[in-house]
Amino acid sequence: MALHIEVGMSALGRLQSECFLNQWKVLVASCPWATVYQGPDFVLPWYQLYQNRYLPVVIYMKEENGELAGLMTLALAENGRALVAAGEKQAEYQCWLEKPDGLHRFIQSAMAKVRSQFPGAKLHLRYLPANAPVGWMRSHSTNNFYFRLREHSRPLMKIDPVSNEKRLRRRSRKINHLKKLGEIRFDRIVDNGEFQSIFGEICEQYERRLGERYHVADTPFTNDPLKRPLFIELHKRGLMHATVLRVGGRLAASHIGLVHKQSLHTCISTHASDLERSSPGQVLFCMLGCSLAQDGVSELDLTPGGDQHKENFATEHDTVFEIQAYATAIGRLRGDIEFSLRHGVKRVLWSAGIEPAWMRAILNSIVPSRTRNRPVKGLREDGPSA
């Protein structure tokens, strides 16, 4: 099987060709650990919107019959010093696609290719799905990278109709209080025009909630003007699941996530700050669980992060992974020291009753995304190479 790597406009052109696009969709459907973040309806809009900040790097393997055997969509950042998955922080789960033959030939060959093509760059994948294979990192054929694999707990809310109804009944007092303010309506926003008309208010509500919760100015949609059009495009393509709770005709709470198979991955949730005592966000989550049960969705993925409001709704946990691949042993040592410092700070925060998200919010307010993600300059845009 032949391995190829393409960079820049050549990579985008390859992904958008009809034959490749069809094979890509087949590979997503056949790969057991694939998520919505590896499919064309997520990757292509992100590449196109963020092409001035990140240089597309596409690695793929073809079988002798021409079929696609493996695919990894990456992006070059930090002026060539780092490789990230397509989507970067917008992609909650980051991995490669490969036919499930158990041999892992594609990912091992892809890692060697990345190491030779970008010898000084580090590679970061966060988070790998729970069922993604990681044993291949022990192979001698991948020893040209210095790997570090870390585990993270992921909270999940299993969608069970009986449990959902019980959760809703336990919040009857909150619901009755909201009813005094006006009619309660739970709606799923399917029409993209309607989504666009309310999304600005959802963004404002989200950023206001972050500021009130963590007492810092964390404004992800304001700091990154491309984030809003990305969400709108994903909703237009049918990937984004949006629900709102209205009280007396006004937006009381919202939840936005991405759907893949029988799972809904949480992206953002909001609520009106002046209604916080009535917990409209919790009421929406309970109604969302009932709605998802009717739609055949089996779980609500609350996503890793250690935030208490996620743990309040979690019914179980599993483990997802983070891979960091360094060009040198020194780089891995430096990364281990940085991780130990962050982990130590997190333990101190937990012991003091402070959520780690508070610290993330502070860092985001100090180093906004538009300064972290400077345009990529002076990088080669090579054509295909075998």
Protein backbone atom coordinates (compact mmCIF):
# COMPACT_ATOMS: atom_id res chain seq x y z
CA MET A 1 0.00 0.00 0.00
CA ALA A 2 1.21 3.49 -0.88
CA LEU A 3 1.37 6.33 1.66
CA HIS A 4 0.93 9.94 0.52
CA ILE A 5 1.19 13.33 2.20
CA GLU A 6 -0.14 16.59 0.77
CA VAL A 7 0.08 20.10 2.19
CA GLY A 8 -1.82 23.37 1.69
CA MET A 9 -4.07 23.91 -1.34
CA SER A 10 -3.01 20.59 -2.83
CA ALA A 11 -4.36 18.83 0.28
CA LEU A 12 -7.66 20.72 0.12
CA GLY A 13 -8.05 19.92 -3.55
CA ARG A 14 -7.47 16.22 -2.87
CA LEU A 15 -10.07 16.10 -0.10
CA GLN A 16 -12.69 17.85 -2.20
CA SER A 17 -12.38 15.62 -5.26
CA GLU A 18 -15.55 13.57 -5.71
CA CYS A 19 -13.83 10.16 -5.78
CA PHE A 20 -11.76 10.85 -2.67
CA LEU A 21 -14.74 12.37 -0.85
CA ASN A 22 -16.84 9.25 -1.44
CA GLN A 23 -14.05 6.96 -0.21
CA TRP A 24 -13.57 9.21 2.82
CA LYS A 25 -17.23 8.79 3.80
CA VAL A 26 -16.93 5.00 3.45
CA LEU A 27 -13.84 5.02 5.68
CA VAL A 28 -15.63 7.07 8.36
CA ALA A 29 -18.48 4.55 8.36
CA SER A 30 -16.15 1.54 8.63
CA CYS A 31 -13.68 2.86 11.23
CA PRO A 32 -14.89 1.79 14.72
CA TRP A 33 -13.35 4.75 16.56
CA ALA A 34 -14.32 7.46 14.05
CA THR A 35 -16.23 10.46 15.38
CA VAL A 36 -18.08 13.33 13.72
CA TYR A 37 -14.87 15.38 13.96
CA GLN A 38 -13.08 13.21 11.37
CA GLY A 39 -15.80 13.43 8.71
CA PRO A 40 -15.79 15.75 5.68
CA ASP A 41 -18.71 17.84 6.95
CA PHE A 42 -16.59 18.98 9.90
CA VAL A 43 -13.04 18.91 8.50
CA LEU A 44 -13.66 20.76 5.23
CA PRO A 45 -15.46 23.81 6.70
CA TRP A 46 -12.78 24.14 9.38
CA TYR A 47 -9.94 23.96 6.86
CA GLN A 48 -11.62 26.54 4.63
CA LEU A 49 -12.44 29.00 7.42
CA TYR A 50 -9.10 28.72 9.22
CA GLN A 51 -6.78 28.43 6.22
CA ASN A 52 -5.01 31.71 7.09
CA ARG A 53 -4.11 30.39 10.54
CA TYR A 54 -3.42 26.73 9.86
CA LEU A 55 -1.85 24.96 6.90
CA PRO A 56 -3.70 21.74 5.97
CA VAL A 57 -1.61 18.57 6.17
CA VAL A 58 -3.32 15.44 4.84
CA ILE A 59 -1.81 11.94 5.08
CA TYR A 60 -3.56 9.03 3.38
CA MET A 61 -2.89 5.46 2.33
CA LYS A 62 -4.26 3.73 -0.76
CA GLU A 63 -4.63 0.02 -1.31
CA GLU A 64 -3.53 -1.61 -4.57
CA ASN A 65 -7.12 -1.48 -5.84
CA GLY A 66 -7.21 2.28 -5.25
CA GLU A 67 -9.45 2.20 -2.18
CA LEU A 68 -8.69 4.45 0.78
CA ALA A 69 -7.16 2.45 3.65
CA GLY A 70 -6.28 5.26 6.07
CA LEU A 71 -6.58 9.01 6.49
CA MET A 72 -5.25 11.59 8.95
CA THR A 73 -6.20 15.25 8.64
CA LEU A 74 -3.76 17.56 10.45
CA ALA A 75 -2.80 21.22 10.41
CA LEU A 76 0.51 22.98 10.84
CA ALA A 77 0.47 25.73 13.48
CA GLU A 78 2.80 28.01 15.42
CA ASN A 79 4.79 28.77 12.27
CA GLY A 80 5.67 25.14 11.73
CA ARG A 81 6.51 24.20 15.32
CA ALA A 82 3.35 22.21 16.03
CA LEU A 83 0.98 19.81 14.30
CA VAL A 84 -2.61 19.59 15.50
CA ALA A 85 -5.67 17.69 14.34
CA ALA A 86 -7.96 19.43 11.89
CA GLY A 87 -10.34 21.40 14.07
CA GLU A 88 -7.74 22.05 16.76
CA LYS A 89 -9.64 23.01 19.94
CA GLN A 90 -12.91 23.05 18.00
CA ALA A 91 -12.59 19.26 17.61
CA GLU A 92 -13.35 17.56 20.91
CA TYR A 93 -12.05 14.19 19.66
CA GLN A 94 -8.98 13.86 17.48
CA CYS A 95 -7.73 10.71 15.78
CA TRP A 96 -7.03 9.08 12.43
CA LEU A 97 -9.21 6.86 10.26
CA GLU A 98 -8.10 3.36 9.34
CA LYS A 99 -9.63 0.12 8.16
CA PRO A 100 -9.98 -2.10 11.26
CA ASP A 101 -7.63 -4.94 10.31
CA GLY A 102 -5.80 -4.80 13.65
CA LEU A 103 -2.38 -4.26 12.04
CA HIS A 104 -2.25 -0.44 12.41
CA ARG A 105 -0.04 -0.15 9.34
CA PHE A 106 -1.43 3.23 8.38
CA ILE A 107 -0.93 5.08 11.67
CA GLN A 108 2.59 3.73 12.15
CA SER A 109 3.59 4.70 8.59
CA ALA A 110 1.86 8.08 8.96
CA MET A 111 3.78 8.88 12.14
CA ALA A 112 7.08 8.05 10.47
CA LYS A 113 6.13 10.24 7.50
CA VAL A 114 5.19 13.16 9.74
CA ARG A 115 8.47 12.85 11.62
CA SER A 116 10.53 12.94 8.41
CA GLN A 117 8.49 15.71 6.72
CA PHE A 118 8.29 17.99 9.79
CA PRO A 119 11.35 17.00 11.85
CA GLY A 120 11.12 19.78 14.44
CA ALA A 121 7.37 19.80 15.03
CA LYS A 122 5.54 18.27 17.98
CA LEU A 123 2.20 16.53 17.46
CA HIS A 124 -0.73 16.77 19.85
CA LEU A 125 -4.00 14.77 19.66
CA ARG A 126 -6.58 15.50 22.35
CA TYR A 127 -8.79 13.65 22.99
CA LEU A 128 -8.66 10.22 21.35
CA PRO A 129 -11.99 8.36 21.48
CA ALA A 130 -12.31 5.72 24.18
CA ASN A 131 -12.06 2.80 21.72
CA ALA A 132 -9.15 4.17 19.66
CA PRO A 133 -6.16 1.77 19.55
CA VAL A 134 -3.02 2.96 21.36
CA GLY A 135 -0.89 -0.21 21.61
CA TRP A 136 0.86 0.56 18.31
CA MET A 137 2.93 3.25 20.08
CA ARG A 138 5.04 0.52 21.65
CA SER A 139 6.15 -0.67 18.21
CA HIS A 140 9.79 -0.19 17.25
CA SER A 141 8.65 1.17 13.89
CA THR A 142 7.38 4.34 15.57
CA ASN A 143 10.41 5.06 17.76
CA ASN A 144 11.33 8.15 15.71
CA PHE A 145 8.80 10.02 17.88
CA TYR A 146 8.92 10.32 21.68
CA PHE A 147 5.36 9.56 22.75
CA ARG A 148 3.49 10.40 25.91
CA LEU A 149 0.03 8.87 26.42
CA ARG A 150 -2.25 10.26 29.13
CA GLU A 151 -5.68 9.19 30.32
CA HIS A 152 -8.65 11.45 31.05
CA SER A 153 -11.99 10.62 32.63
CA ARG A 154 -15.02 11.37 30.48
CA PRO A 155 -18.48 11.87 32.03
CA LEU A 156 -21.42 10.36 30.17
CA MET A 157 -25.16 10.59 30.70
CA LYS A 158 -26.82 7.41 29.49
CA ILE A 159 -30.20 8.13 27.98
CA ASP A 160 -32.72 6.09 29.92
CA PRO A 161 -36.40 7.13 29.64
CA VAL A 162 -37.24 6.15 33.23
CA SER A 163 -34.25 8.01 34.71
CA ASN A 164 -34.97 11.03 32.53
CA GLU A 165 -38.54 11.27 33.80
CA LYS A 166 -37.33 10.98 37.39
CA ARG A 167 -34.83 13.81 36.85
CA LEU A 168 -37.57 15.96 35.42
CA ARG A 169 -39.95 15.27 38.32
CA ARG A 170 -37.24 16.15 40.84
CA ARG A 171 -37.13 19.61 39.28
CA SER A 172 -40.88 20.20 39.35
CA ARG A 173 -40.49 23.08 41.81
CA LYS A 174 -38.03 24.80 39.45
CA ILE A 175 -40.38 24.21 36.51
CA ASN A 176 -43.36 25.62 38.42
CA HIS A 177 -41.35 28.72 39.29
CA LEU A 178 -40.47 29.21 35.62
CA LYS A 179 -44.12 28.73 34.63
CA LYS A 180 -45.03 31.74 36.75
CA LEU A 181 -42.87 33.83 34.41
CA GLY A 182 -44.58 32.61 31.24
CA GLU A 183 -45.20 29.63 28.99
CA ILE A 184 -42.35 27.06 28.92
CA ARG A 185 -41.34 25.71 25.54
CA PHE A 186 -38.60 23.22 24.70
CA ASP A 187 -37.69 23.30 21.00
CA ARG A 188 -35.12 21.77 18.73
CA ILE A 189 -33.87 24.31 16.18
CA VAL A 190 -33.69 22.50 12.84
CA ASP A 191 -34.06 25.39 10.39
CA ASN A 192 -30.68 27.04 9.75
CA GLY A 193 -32.24 30.47 9.27
CA GLU A 194 -33.87 30.26 12.68
CA PHE A 195 -30.58 29.05 14.16
CA GLN A 196 -28.74 32.04 12.72
CA SER A 197 -31.39 34.42 14.07
CA ILE A 198 -30.89 33.29 17.68
CA PHE A 199 -27.25 32.20 17.65
CA GLY A 200 -25.96 35.68 18.38
CA GLU A 201 -28.01 35.77 21.58
CA ILE A 202 -26.79 32.28 22.50
CA CYS A 203 -23.15 33.42 22.09
CA GLU A 204 -23.75 36.48 24.25
CA GLN A 205 -25.46 34.37 26.90
CA TYR A 206 -22.63 31.85 26.84
CA GLU A 207 -19.90 34.46 27.27
CA ARG A 208 -21.85 36.25 29.98
CA ARG A 209 -22.27 32.96 31.85
CA LEU A 210 -18.55 32.25 31.64
CA GLY A 211 -17.77 35.68 33.03
CA GLU A 212 -20.20 35.33 35.92
CA ARG A 213 -19.19 31.76 36.70
CA TYR A 214 -15.42 32.27 36.67
CA HIS A 215 -15.25 36.03 37.37
CA VAL A 216 -13.00 36.66 34.37
CA ALA A 217 -13.68 37.96 30.87
CA ASP A 218 -13.61 34.68 28.89
CA THR A 219 -15.12 35.48 25.48
CA PRO A 220 -14.34 32.67 23.01
CA PHE A 221 -16.75 33.81 20.29
CA THR A 222 -15.62 37.42 20.52
CA ASN A 223 -11.92 36.49 20.57
CA ASP A 224 -12.31 34.14 17.60
CA PRO A 225 -14.55 35.71 14.92
CA LEU A 226 -14.39 32.49 12.87
CA LYS A 227 -15.99 30.36 15.58
CA ARG A 228 -19.50 31.69 14.95
CA PRO A 229 -19.55 31.06 11.16
CA LEU A 230 -18.13 27.56 11.79
CA PHE A 231 -21.03 26.70 14.12
CA ILE A 232 -23.54 28.09 11.61
CA GLU A 233 -22.02 26.03 8.78
CA LEU A 234 -21.99 22.84 10.87
CA HIS A 235 -25.66 23.38 11.70
CA LYS A 236 -26.41 23.95 8.01
CA ARG A 237 -24.74 20.62 7.18
CA GLY A 238 -26.90 18.80 9.75
CA LEU A 239 -24.12 18.00 12.22
CA MET A 240 -25.15 20.41 14.93
CA HIS A 241 -27.98 19.57 17.32
CA ALA A 242 -29.44 22.74 18.87
CA THR A 243 -32.17 22.90 21.52
CA VAL A 244 -33.54 25.87 23.46
CA LEU A 245 -35.77 26.44 26.45
CA ARG A 246 -38.01 29.49 26.14
CA VAL A 247 -39.89 31.03 29.06
CA GLY A 248 -42.50 33.60 28.18
CA GLY A 249 -41.06 33.78 24.67
CA ARG A 250 -37.52 34.68 25.79
CA LEU A 251 -34.40 32.50 25.60
CA ALA A 252 -33.93 30.95 29.04
CA ALA A 253 -31.37 28.22 28.21
CA SER A 254 -29.77 26.43 25.29
CA HIS A 255 -27.67 23.39 24.45
CA ILE A 256 -25.60 22.90 21.29
CA GLY A 257 -23.77 19.71 20.41
CA LEU A 258 -22.64 17.52 17.53
CA VAL A 259 -24.37 14.25 16.70
CA HIS A 260 -22.56 11.08 15.66
CA LYS A 261 -24.43 7.81 15.38
CA GLN A 262 -26.18 7.28 18.76
CA SER A 263 -24.19 9.89 20.69
CA LEU A 264 -24.57 13.64 21.19
CA HIS A 265 -21.33 15.47 22.06
CA THR A 266 -21.86 18.62 24.12
CA CYS A 267 -20.27 21.79 22.70
CA ILE A 268 -21.82 24.64 24.66
CA SER A 269 -24.71 25.12 27.09
CA THR A 270 -26.10 28.43 28.28
CA HIS A 271 -28.75 29.96 30.52
CA ALA A 272 -30.06 33.42 31.31
CA SER A 273 -28.21 34.71 34.35
CA ASP A 274 -31.24 36.46 35.86
CA LEU A 275 -33.10 33.11 35.91
CA GLU A 276 -30.29 31.16 37.56
CA ARG A 277 -32.20 30.52 40.79
CA SER A 278 -34.79 28.60 38.77
CA SER A 279 -32.06 26.49 37.08
CA PRO A 280 -33.33 26.72 33.47
CA GLY A 281 -30.15 25.00 32.26
CA GLN A 282 -30.86 21.95 34.43
CA VAL A 283 -34.48 21.89 33.32
CA LEU A 284 -33.36 21.99 29.68
CA PHE A 285 -30.92 19.09 30.25
CA CYS A 286 -33.72 16.96 31.70
CA MET A 287 -36.03 17.77 28.79
CA LEU A 288 -33.16 17.13 26.38
CA GLY A 289 -32.69 13.65 27.85
CA CYS A 290 -36.36 12.85 27.26
CA SER A 291 -36.17 14.19 23.71
CA LEU A 292 -33.01 12.21 22.89
CA ALA A 293 -34.66 9.01 24.13
CA GLN A 294 -37.47 9.53 21.61
CA ASP A 295 -34.89 10.13 18.85
CA GLY A 296 -33.01 6.90 19.61
CA VAL A 297 -29.85 8.59 20.95
CA SER A 298 -28.25 6.36 23.59
CA GLU A 299 -25.88 8.76 25.37
CA LEU A 300 -25.11 12.39 26.00
CA ASP A 301 -21.35 12.85 25.98
CA LEU A 302 -20.63 15.56 28.55
CA THR A 303 -16.96 15.66 27.40
CA PRO A 304 -13.81 15.61 29.59
CA GLY A 305 -12.75 18.54 31.70
CA GLY A 306 -13.62 17.88 35.35
CA ASP A 307 -16.33 20.56 35.58
CA GLN A 308 -18.80 20.05 38.40
CA HIS A 309 -21.90 20.94 36.38
CA LYS A 310 -21.05 18.04 34.04
CA GLU A 311 -20.56 15.63 36.93
CA ASN A 312 -24.01 16.51 38.26
CA PHE A 313 -25.61 14.81 35.26
CA ALA A 314 -23.09 12.01 34.67
CA THR A 315 -24.40 8.47 35.13
CA GLU A 316 -21.08 6.80 34.32
CA HIS A 317 -17.54 7.49 33.13
CA ASP A 318 -15.10 6.00 30.68
CA THR A 319 -11.53 6.84 29.65
CA VAL A 320 -10.30 8.84 26.69
CA PHE A 321 -6.68 9.48 25.77
CA GLU A 322 -4.32 12.27 24.92
CA ILE A 323 -1.27 11.69 22.73
CA GLN A 324 1.69 14.03 22.66
CA ALA A 325 4.51 13.13 20.28
CA TYR A 326 7.78 15.02 20.63
CA ALA A 327 10.66 15.33 18.19
CA THR A 328 13.28 14.87 20.94
CA ALA A 329 13.63 13.30 24.36
CA ILE A 330 14.32 16.77 25.75
CA GLY A 331 11.03 17.99 24.32
CA ARG A 332 9.17 15.13 26.00
CA LEU A 333 10.89 15.89 29.31
CA ARG A 334 9.88 19.55 29.03
CA GLY A 335 6.31 18.48 28.22
CA ASP A 336 6.26 16.14 31.24
CA ILE A 337 7.38 18.97 33.51
CA GLU A 338 4.70 21.30 32.15
CA PHE A 339 2.04 18.60 32.58
CA SER A 340 3.16 17.88 36.16
CA LEU A 341 2.92 21.57 37.02
CA ARG A 342 -0.56 21.85 35.50
CA HIS A 343 -1.69 18.65 37.20
CA GLY A 344 -0.35 19.89 40.53
CA VAL A 345 -2.22 23.18 40.16
CA LYS A 346 -5.39 21.24 39.28
CA ARG A 347 -5.10 19.12 42.45
CA VAL A 348 -4.68 22.26 44.55
CA LEU A 349 -7.73 23.83 42.89
CA TRP A 350 -9.84 20.73 43.52
CA SER A 351 -8.79 20.56 47.17
CA ALA A 352 -9.78 24.24 47.53
CA GLY A 353 -13.17 23.59 45.92
CA ILE A 354 -12.26 25.48 42.73
CA GLU A 355 -13.07 24.01 39.32
CA PRO A 356 -10.14 23.64 36.87
CA ALA A 357 -12.32 25.40 34.29
CA TRP A 358 -11.88 28.57 36.31
CA MET A 359 -8.14 28.44 35.69
CA ARG A 360 -8.70 27.73 31.98
CA ALA A 361 -10.99 30.74 31.81
CA ILE A 362 -8.32 32.94 33.40
CA LEU A 363 -5.70 31.73 30.89
CA ASN A 364 -8.08 32.32 28.00
CA SER A 365 -8.70 35.87 29.18
CA ILE A 366 -4.96 36.57 29.49
CA VAL A 367 -3.98 34.96 26.15
CA PRO A 368 -6.96 35.32 23.79
CA SER A 369 -7.27 32.87 20.92
CA ARG A 370 -6.50 35.44 18.24
CA THR A 371 -3.00 35.90 19.69
CA ARG A 372 -2.45 32.21 20.28
CA ASN A 373 -3.35 31.30 16.71
CA ARG A 374 -1.28 33.65 14.60
CA PRO A 375 -1.35 33.21 10.82
CA VAL A 376 1.02 30.61 9.44
CA LYS A 377 3.75 32.34 7.47
CA GLY A 378 6.64 31.22 5.35
CA LEU A 379 5.64 27.56 5.15
CA ARG A 380 5.97 25.32 2.14
CA GLU A 381 2.84 24.22 0.34
CA ASP A 382 4.17 21.06 -1.22
CA GLY A 383 2.32 19.00 -3.74
CA PRO A 384 1.73 15.27 -3.32
CA SER A 385 4.59 13.06 -2.24
CA ALA A 386 4.66 9.30 -2.01
